[in-house]
Amino acid sequence: MPKEKYLIPVEWSDYKQYRLTHIVYLHAFAIAGNKIIPSNYNFVSNQLNIKEVNKRMNSIKIFDWSSEGTLKYLKGASGSKLLAEDIIASVEK
């Protein structure tokens, strides 16, 4: 199951009140994950540093995922890319 479901379960479960499961947002998480996972992966031992990934993913709680929040106007691939950049920036702090 996606990590987001455990970090912010209400937002993940309520499609009408929150936008977390909308395609633009899921695409943004895929883009961000494509950057975050390799930077926390040990290719020599072939293992993901899951503790570090979990610690960093806690930062996604800072976003307002509500349908009426600041992210409600994100649309399409460009919106996904912008959100992915914000997610990556928050995770890398």
N, C-alpha and C. Protein backbone atom coordinates (compact mmCIF):
# COMPACT_ATOMS: atom_id res chain seq x y z
N MET A 1 0.83 -1.18 0.00
CA MET A 1 0.00 0.00 0.00
C MET A 1 0.88 1.25 0.00
N PRO A 2 0.40 2.29 -0.60
CA PRO A 2 1.19 3.53 -0.64
C PRO A 2 1.44 4.09 0.74
N LYS A 3 2.62 4.62 0.93
CA LYS A 3 3.01 5.22 2.21
C LYS A 3 2.07 6.36 2.59
N GLU A 4 1.58 7.10 1.60
CA GLU A 4 0.70 8.23 1.88
C GLU A 4 -0.55 7.78 2.62
N LYS A 5 -1.02 6.58 2.34
CA LYS A 5 -2.24 6.08 2.98
C LYS A 5 -2.06 5.97 4.49
N TYR A 6 -0.86 5.66 4.93
CA TYR A 6 -0.61 5.53 6.36
C TYR A 6 -0.26 6.86 7.02
N LEU A 7 0.39 7.75 6.30
CA LEU A 7 0.78 9.04 6.85
C LEU A 7 -0.41 9.98 7.02
N ILE A 8 -1.28 9.98 6.04
CA ILE A 8 -2.44 10.88 6.07
C ILE A 8 -3.68 10.09 5.63
N PRO A 9 -4.17 9.19 6.49
CA PRO A 9 -5.25 8.29 6.11
C PRO A 9 -6.57 8.97 5.76
N VAL A 10 -6.92 10.03 6.45
CA VAL A 10 -8.18 10.72 6.16
C VAL A 10 -8.14 11.32 4.76
N GLU A 11 -7.04 11.99 4.44
CA GLU A 11 -6.89 12.61 3.13
C GLU A 11 -6.89 11.56 2.02
N TRP A 12 -6.31 10.41 2.30
CA TRP A 12 -6.22 9.35 1.30
C TRP A 12 -7.59 8.72 1.05
N SER A 13 -8.40 8.62 2.08
CA SER A 13 -9.67 7.91 2.00
C SER A 13 -10.85 8.74 1.50
N ASP A 14 -10.77 10.05 1.60
CA ASP A 14 -11.90 10.90 1.25
C ASP A 14 -11.65 11.62 -0.08
N TYR A 15 -12.12 11.02 -1.14
CA TYR A 15 -11.88 11.53 -2.50
C TYR A 15 -12.56 12.87 -2.75
N LYS A 16 -13.69 13.12 -2.12
CA LYS A 16 -14.43 14.35 -2.37
C LYS A 16 -13.85 15.55 -1.63
N GLN A 17 -13.40 15.36 -0.42
CA GLN A 17 -12.88 16.46 0.38
C GLN A 17 -11.40 16.73 0.15
N TYR A 18 -10.67 15.71 -0.30
CA TYR A 18 -9.23 15.83 -0.48
C TYR A 18 -8.84 15.37 -1.88
N ARG A 19 -7.77 15.92 -2.39
CA ARG A 19 -7.36 15.65 -3.76
C ARG A 19 -6.17 14.68 -3.86
N LEU A 20 -5.78 14.10 -2.76
CA LEU A 20 -4.58 13.26 -2.74
C LEU A 20 -4.63 12.10 -3.73
N THR A 21 -5.78 11.54 -3.98
CA THR A 21 -5.88 10.40 -4.88
C THR A 21 -6.24 10.79 -6.31
N HIS A 22 -6.29 12.06 -6.62
CA HIS A 22 -6.54 12.50 -8.00
C HIS A 22 -5.29 12.24 -8.84
N ILE A 23 -5.46 12.03 -10.11
CA ILE A 23 -4.37 11.59 -10.99
C ILE A 23 -3.19 12.56 -11.00
N VAL A 24 -3.44 13.86 -10.95
CA VAL A 24 -2.33 14.83 -10.96
C VAL A 24 -1.45 14.63 -9.73
N TYR A 25 -2.07 14.35 -8.60
CA TYR A 25 -1.32 14.17 -7.36
C TYR A 25 -0.59 12.84 -7.35
N LEU A 26 -1.24 11.79 -7.82
CA LEU A 26 -0.57 10.49 -7.90
C LEU A 26 0.62 10.55 -8.87
N HIS A 27 0.44 11.26 -9.95
CA HIS A 27 1.54 11.42 -10.91
C HIS A 27 2.69 12.19 -10.26
N ALA A 28 2.36 13.20 -9.47
CA ALA A 28 3.40 13.97 -8.77
C ALA A 28 4.17 13.08 -7.81
N PHE A 29 3.47 12.18 -7.10
CA PHE A 29 4.17 11.26 -6.19
C PHE A 29 5.05 10.29 -6.96
N ALA A 30 4.62 9.87 -8.13
CA ALA A 30 5.45 8.98 -8.95
C ALA A 30 6.72 9.70 -9.40
N ILE A 31 6.58 10.94 -9.83
CA ILE A 31 7.75 11.72 -10.25
C ILE A 31 8.69 11.91 -9.06
N ALA A 32 8.13 12.30 -7.91
CA ALA A 32 8.95 12.54 -6.72
C ALA A 32 9.63 11.24 -6.27
N GLY A 33 8.88 10.15 -6.28
CA GLY A 33 9.44 8.86 -5.88
C GLY A 33 10.58 8.43 -6.77
N ASN A 34 10.50 8.77 -8.03
CA ASN A 34 11.56 8.45 -8.98
C ASN A 34 12.87 9.17 -8.64
N LYS A 35 12.76 10.25 -7.91
CA LYS A 35 13.94 11.00 -7.47
C LYS A 35 14.36 10.57 -6.05
N ILE A 36 13.37 10.40 -5.16
CA ILE A 36 13.64 10.12 -3.75
C ILE A 36 14.18 8.71 -3.54
N ILE A 37 13.58 7.74 -4.19
CA ILE A 37 13.98 6.34 -3.95
C ILE A 37 15.43 6.08 -4.37
N PRO A 38 15.87 6.45 -5.57
CA PRO A 38 17.27 6.18 -5.93
C PRO A 38 18.28 6.88 -5.01
N SER A 39 17.91 8.04 -4.48
CA SER A 39 18.85 8.74 -3.60
C SER A 39 18.94 8.08 -2.22
N ASN A 40 18.05 7.14 -1.94
CA ASN A 40 18.07 6.41 -0.67
C ASN A 40 18.22 4.91 -0.89
N TYR A 41 18.79 4.56 -2.02
CA TYR A 41 18.96 3.16 -2.38
C TYR A 41 20.43 2.82 -2.47
N ASN A 42 20.81 1.74 -1.84
CA ASN A 42 22.19 1.27 -1.88
C ASN A 42 22.29 0.20 -2.98
N PHE A 43 22.87 0.59 -4.10
CA PHE A 43 22.94 -0.32 -5.24
C PHE A 43 23.93 -1.46 -5.02
N VAL A 44 24.88 -1.27 -4.12
CA VAL A 44 25.85 -2.33 -3.82
C VAL A 44 25.16 -3.47 -3.08
N SER A 45 24.40 -3.12 -2.03
CA SER A 45 23.71 -4.15 -1.24
C SER A 45 22.31 -4.44 -1.77
N ASN A 46 21.87 -3.66 -2.77
CA ASN A 46 20.56 -3.82 -3.37
C ASN A 46 19.43 -3.65 -2.34
N GLN A 47 19.58 -2.62 -1.48
CA GLN A 47 18.58 -2.39 -0.43
C GLN A 47 18.19 -0.92 -0.37
N LEU A 48 16.91 -0.71 -0.09
CA LEU A 48 16.38 0.62 0.12
C LEU A 48 16.49 0.97 1.60
N ASN A 49 16.95 2.17 1.89
CA ASN A 49 17.00 2.63 3.27
C ASN A 49 15.61 3.11 3.66
N ILE A 50 14.76 2.16 4.01
CA ILE A 50 13.35 2.45 4.26
C ILE A 50 13.15 3.37 5.46
N LYS A 51 14.03 3.29 6.45
CA LYS A 51 13.91 4.19 7.61
C LYS A 51 14.08 5.64 7.18
N GLU A 52 15.02 5.90 6.32
CA GLU A 52 15.26 7.26 5.83
C GLU A 52 14.09 7.73 4.96
N VAL A 53 13.61 6.85 4.09
CA VAL A 53 12.47 7.21 3.24
C VAL A 53 11.25 7.54 4.11
N ASN A 54 10.97 6.70 5.10
CA ASN A 54 9.84 6.95 6.00
C ASN A 54 9.99 8.28 6.72
N LYS A 55 11.18 8.55 7.21
CA LYS A 55 11.43 9.80 7.92
C LYS A 55 11.19 11.00 7.00
N ARG A 56 11.67 10.91 5.80
CA ARG A 56 11.51 12.01 4.85
C ARG A 56 10.07 12.18 4.39
N MET A 57 9.34 11.09 4.24
CA MET A 57 7.96 11.16 3.76
C MET A 57 7.02 11.83 4.76
N ASN A 58 7.42 11.91 6.01
CA ASN A 58 6.58 12.59 7.00
C ASN A 58 6.36 14.05 6.64
N SER A 59 7.22 14.61 5.81
CA SER A 59 7.09 16.01 5.43
C SER A 59 5.87 16.28 4.55
N ILE A 60 5.27 15.25 3.96
CA ILE A 60 4.12 15.50 3.10
C ILE A 60 2.90 15.94 3.90
N LYS A 61 2.96 15.82 5.21
CA LYS A 61 1.84 16.26 6.05
C LYS A 61 1.67 17.78 6.01
N ILE A 62 2.70 18.50 5.57
CA ILE A 62 2.63 19.96 5.57
C ILE A 62 1.74 20.52 4.45
N PHE A 63 1.45 19.71 3.44
CA PHE A 63 0.65 20.18 2.31
C PHE A 63 -0.83 20.18 2.66
N ASP A 64 -1.54 21.13 2.11
CA ASP A 64 -2.99 21.18 2.25
C ASP A 64 -3.58 20.42 1.07
N TRP A 65 -3.99 19.19 1.31
CA TRP A 65 -4.49 18.32 0.25
C TRP A 65 -5.98 18.51 0.00
N SER A 66 -6.63 19.42 0.71
CA SER A 66 -8.07 19.58 0.59
C SER A 66 -8.48 20.06 -0.80
N SER A 67 -9.71 19.75 -1.16
CA SER A 67 -10.24 20.14 -2.46
C SER A 67 -10.31 21.65 -2.63
N GLU A 68 -10.35 22.37 -1.55
CA GLU A 68 -10.41 23.83 -1.60
C GLU A 68 -9.09 24.49 -1.20
N GLY A 69 -8.04 23.71 -1.06
CA GLY A 69 -6.74 24.23 -0.65
C GLY A 69 -5.98 24.90 -1.78
N THR A 70 -4.77 25.28 -1.48
CA THR A 70 -3.95 26.03 -2.44
C THR A 70 -3.55 25.21 -3.67
N LEU A 71 -3.64 23.90 -3.57
CA LEU A 71 -3.25 23.04 -4.69
C LEU A 71 -4.41 22.70 -5.62
N LYS A 72 -5.61 23.22 -5.33
CA LYS A 72 -6.79 22.80 -6.08
C LYS A 72 -6.74 23.17 -7.56
N TYR A 73 -5.92 24.13 -7.93
CA TYR A 73 -5.88 24.55 -9.33
C TYR A 73 -4.83 23.81 -10.17
N LEU A 74 -4.12 22.87 -9.56
CA LEU A 74 -3.13 22.11 -10.32
C LEU A 74 -3.82 21.21 -11.32
N LYS A 75 -3.38 21.28 -12.55
CA LYS A 75 -3.97 20.49 -13.62
C LYS A 75 -2.88 19.95 -14.52
N GLY A 76 -3.11 18.78 -15.05
CA GLY A 76 -2.26 18.21 -16.08
C GLY A 76 -0.83 17.90 -15.67
N ALA A 77 -0.02 17.59 -16.68
CA ALA A 77 1.37 17.20 -16.46
C ALA A 77 2.18 18.32 -15.84
N SER A 78 1.91 19.56 -16.23
CA SER A 78 2.67 20.68 -15.66
C SER A 78 2.37 20.83 -14.17
N GLY A 79 1.11 20.61 -13.77
CA GLY A 79 0.75 20.66 -12.36
C GLY A 79 1.42 19.55 -11.57
N SER A 80 1.48 18.37 -12.16
CA SER A 80 2.16 17.24 -11.52
C SER A 80 3.63 17.54 -11.30
N LYS A 81 4.26 18.13 -12.30
CA LYS A 81 5.69 18.45 -12.19
C LYS A 81 5.95 19.50 -11.12
N LEU A 82 5.09 20.51 -11.05
CA LEU A 82 5.24 21.54 -10.02
C LEU A 82 5.08 20.96 -8.62
N LEU A 83 4.05 20.13 -8.44
CA LEU A 83 3.83 19.52 -7.14
C LEU A 83 4.97 18.57 -6.79
N ALA A 84 5.45 17.81 -7.76
CA ALA A 84 6.58 16.90 -7.52
C ALA A 84 7.80 17.67 -7.04
N GLU A 85 8.06 18.82 -7.65
CA GLU A 85 9.19 19.64 -7.21
C GLU A 85 9.01 20.10 -5.77
N ASP A 86 7.79 20.46 -5.39
CA ASP A 86 7.52 20.88 -4.02
C ASP A 86 7.68 19.71 -3.05
N ILE A 87 7.19 18.54 -3.45
CA ILE A 87 7.33 17.34 -2.60
C ILE A 87 8.81 17.02 -2.41
N ILE A 88 9.57 17.02 -3.48
CA ILE A 88 11.00 16.72 -3.41
C ILE A 88 11.71 17.72 -2.52
N ALA A 89 11.39 18.99 -2.69
CA ALA A 89 12.02 20.03 -1.86
C ALA A 89 11.69 19.83 -0.38
N SER A 90 10.46 19.46 -0.07
CA SER A 90 10.09 19.28 1.33
C SER A 90 10.73 18.04 1.92
N VAL A 91 10.90 17.02 1.11
CA VAL A 91 11.50 15.76 1.57
C VAL A 91 13.01 15.90 1.76
N GLU A 92 13.63 16.76 0.97
CA GLU A 92 15.09 16.90 1.03
C GLU A 92 15.55 17.86 2.12
N LYS A 93 14.63 18.48 2.84
CA LYS A 93 15.01 19.41 3.91
C LYS A 93 15.59 18.68 5.08
